Structures are given as structure tokens and as C-alpha cells.
C-alpha atoms as a PDB file:
ATOM      1  CA  MET A   1      -9.589 -55.217  -4.617  1.00  0.00           C
ATOM      2  CA  PRO A   2      -8.543 -57.909  -2.177  1.00  0.00           C
ATOM      3  CA  ILE A   3     -10.462 -61.111  -1.648  1.00  0.00           C
ATOM      4  CA  TYR A   4     -10.224 -62.286   1.956  1.00  0.00           C
ATOM      5  CA  GLU A   5     -10.978 -65.706   3.397  1.00  0.00           C
ATOM      6  CA  TYR A   6     -13.206 -65.853   6.489  1.00  0.00           C
ATOM      7  CA  ALA A   7     -14.397 -68.539   8.901  1.00  0.00           C
ATOM      8  CA  CYS A   8     -17.703 -68.363  10.752  1.00  0.00           C
ATOM      9  CA  ALA A   9     -17.491 -68.876  14.517  1.00  0.00           C
ATOM     10  CA  SER A  10     -21.128 -70.039  14.646  1.00  0.00           C
ATOM     11  CA  CYS A  11     -21.384 -72.680  11.917  1.00  0.00           C
ATOM     12  CA  GLY A  12     -17.716 -73.178  10.912  1.00  0.00           C
ATOM     13  CA  LYS A  13     -18.228 -72.349   7.236  1.00  0.00           C
ATOM     14  CA  VAL A  14     -15.130 -71.032   5.434  1.00  0.00           C
ATOM     15  CA  PHE A  15     -15.814 -68.574   2.611  1.00  0.00           C
ATOM     16  CA  GLU A  16     -14.252 -65.785   0.557  1.00  0.00           C
ATOM     17  CA  GLU A  17     -15.413 -62.176   0.405  1.00  0.00           C
ATOM     18  CA  LEU A  18     -14.410 -59.305  -1.875  1.00  0.00           C
ATOM     19  CA  ILE A  19     -13.690 -56.205   0.219  1.00  0.00           C
ATOM     20  CA  LEU A  20     -13.815 -52.925  -1.698  1.00  0.00           C
ATOM     21  CA  ARG A  21     -13.320 -50.578   1.277  1.00  0.00           C
ATOM     22  CA  ALA A  22     -11.880 -51.209   4.748  1.00  0.00           C
ATOM     23  CA  ARG A  23     -15.171 -50.255   6.387  1.00  0.00           C
ATOM     24  CA  ASP A  24     -16.973 -52.980   4.377  1.00  0.00           C
ATOM     25  CA  GLU A  25     -15.230 -55.643   6.455  1.00  0.00           C
ATOM     26  CA  ALA A  26     -17.393 -54.787   9.471  1.00  0.00           C
ATOM     27  CA  GLU A  27     -20.470 -55.896   7.510  1.00  0.00           C
ATOM     28  CA  VAL A  28     -19.248 -59.307   6.349  1.00  0.00           C
ATOM     29  CA  THR A  29     -21.821 -61.989   7.116  1.00  0.00           C
ATOM     30  CA  CYS A  30     -21.614 -65.754   6.821  1.00  0.00           C
ATOM     31  CA  PRO A  31     -23.393 -67.032   3.690  1.00  0.00           C
ATOM     32  CA  GLY A  32     -24.286 -70.222   5.585  1.00  0.00           C
ATOM     33  CA  CYS A  33     -26.020 -68.886   8.694  1.00  0.00           C
ATOM     34  CA  GLY A  34     -26.111 -65.099   8.160  1.00  0.00           C
ATOM     35  CA  ARG A  35     -24.242 -64.200  11.342  1.00  0.00           C
ATOM     36  CA  ARG A  36     -21.459 -61.638  11.633  1.00  0.00           C
ATOM     37  CA  GLU A  37     -19.233 -63.634  14.003  1.00  0.00           C
ATOM     38  CA  VAL A  38     -16.565 -64.184  11.342  1.00  0.00           C
ATOM     39  CA  THR A  39     -12.785 -63.990  11.526  1.00  0.00           C
ATOM     40  CA  ARG A  40     -10.359 -63.358   8.697  1.00  0.00           C
ATOM     41  CA  GLN A  41      -8.166 -66.368   7.959  1.00  0.00           C
ATOM     42  CA  MET A  42      -4.604 -66.559   6.741  1.00  0.00           C
ATOM     43  CA  SER A  43      -4.838 -67.599   3.090  1.00  0.00           C
ATOM     44  CA  ARG A  44      -2.244 -69.632   1.262  1.00  0.00           C
ATOM     45  CA  PRO A  45      -0.345 -67.684  -1.390  1.00  0.00           C
ATOM     46  CA  ALA A  46      -1.093 -68.574  -4.980  1.00  0.00           C
ATOM     47  CA  ALA A  47       1.411 -70.899  -6.615  1.00  0.00           C
ATOM     48  CA  THR A  48       3.149 -69.708  -9.756  1.00  0.00           C
ATOM     49  CA  ALA A  49       4.482 -71.841 -12.569  1.00  0.00           C
ATOM     50  CA  SER A  50       8.214 -71.726 -13.138  1.00  0.00           C
ATOM     51  CA  SER A  51       9.786 -72.419 -16.497  1.00  0.00           C
ATOM     52  CA  GLY A  52      13.094 -73.256 -14.843  1.00  0.00           C
ATOM     53  CA  SER A  53      15.013 -71.098 -17.305  1.00  0.00           C
ATOM     54  CA  GLY A  54      15.217 -68.093 -15.006  1.00  0.00           C
ATOM     55  CA  GLY A  55      14.154 -65.889 -17.896  1.00  0.00           C
ATOM     56  CA  GLY A  56      12.190 -63.474 -15.759  1.00  0.00           C
ATOM     57  CA  GLY A  57       9.427 -63.221 -18.338  1.00  0.00           C
ATOM     58  CA  PRO A  58       5.774 -62.865 -17.454  1.00  0.00           C
ATOM     59  CA  GLY A  59       4.064 -65.885 -15.929  1.00  0.00           C
ATOM     60  CA  ARG A  60       1.391 -67.796 -17.754  1.00  0.00           C
ATOM     61  CA  GLY A  61      -1.150 -67.464 -14.908  1.00  0.00           C
ATOM     62  CA  CYS A  62      -2.419 -63.987 -15.807  1.00  0.00           C
ATOM     63  CA  GLY A  63      -3.655 -62.517 -19.022  1.00  0.00           C
ATOM     64  CA  PRO A  64      -6.285 -63.001 -21.677  1.00  0.00           C
ATOM     65  CA  VAL A  65      -7.617 -66.434 -22.487  1.00  0.00           C
ATOM     66  CA  GLY A  66      -8.186 -67.524 -26.033  1.00  0.00           C
END
């Protein structure tokens, strides 16, 4: 389930939206002004921590907490 970043052409608000199905994207509305004049933005990739050892083990960013 991808989370996309959008920008509103009317009020300029930038927000994220969870899109379950491709057809849901047509119904995305701005949470600031309620309009549908939004465009999908290019999001920055998430940074991952590197241990520097080149071990290839799983990263610490995902998994259970606690």
C-alpha cells in the first residue's frame, strides 16, 4: 500500500495520502481546502542506517519495537 505525497494547486498545502487502489487516486482531495486540484510529488527516498561492516544483515529501521 503506497503512500504518495501530493501538493494542492489551490492552497499550496503538501500532504500524504494512502492509496489502496489506482482508481482511488482520482478522488484525492486536499485536507486544507477540500479541492481536487492536487498533483503527485516526487518524494525523497527513505534513508537507511549503515553499519559500515558490509554484513548485509537486516536494517534496524523495520521490525517490532520493544
